[in-house]
Amino acid sequence: MSDLVKPYRQLPEAHFAVAQAALAANKYDAALVEIREALRIRPDWEAAALFQAQALTSESRAKSLDYMKVSLLPIRKRRKCA
């Protein structure tokens, strides 16, 4: 993680920002590590889940679709029930 965001490592938004920068720099593995950490801290964060699906398309569309089915749909269902 960047030294700039180390003081904020407990915040999912910091990991999200690093993930976005990594993806923009075509560092897909780093982006996935950071976005997964953001989701570990805040599991129902739909924007982060969508970003992870976007990052996964760098590996394959199938992985991205599988992720959306397994992770994103349950988030939406939980929101509707709340």
Foldseek 3Di string as FASTA:
>chain_A
DDPVCVVVLLALVSLCVQLVVCVVVVNLVSNLVSLVSSCVNVVLPLVSLVVNLVSCVVVNNVVSVVSCVVRVVVSVVVVVVD
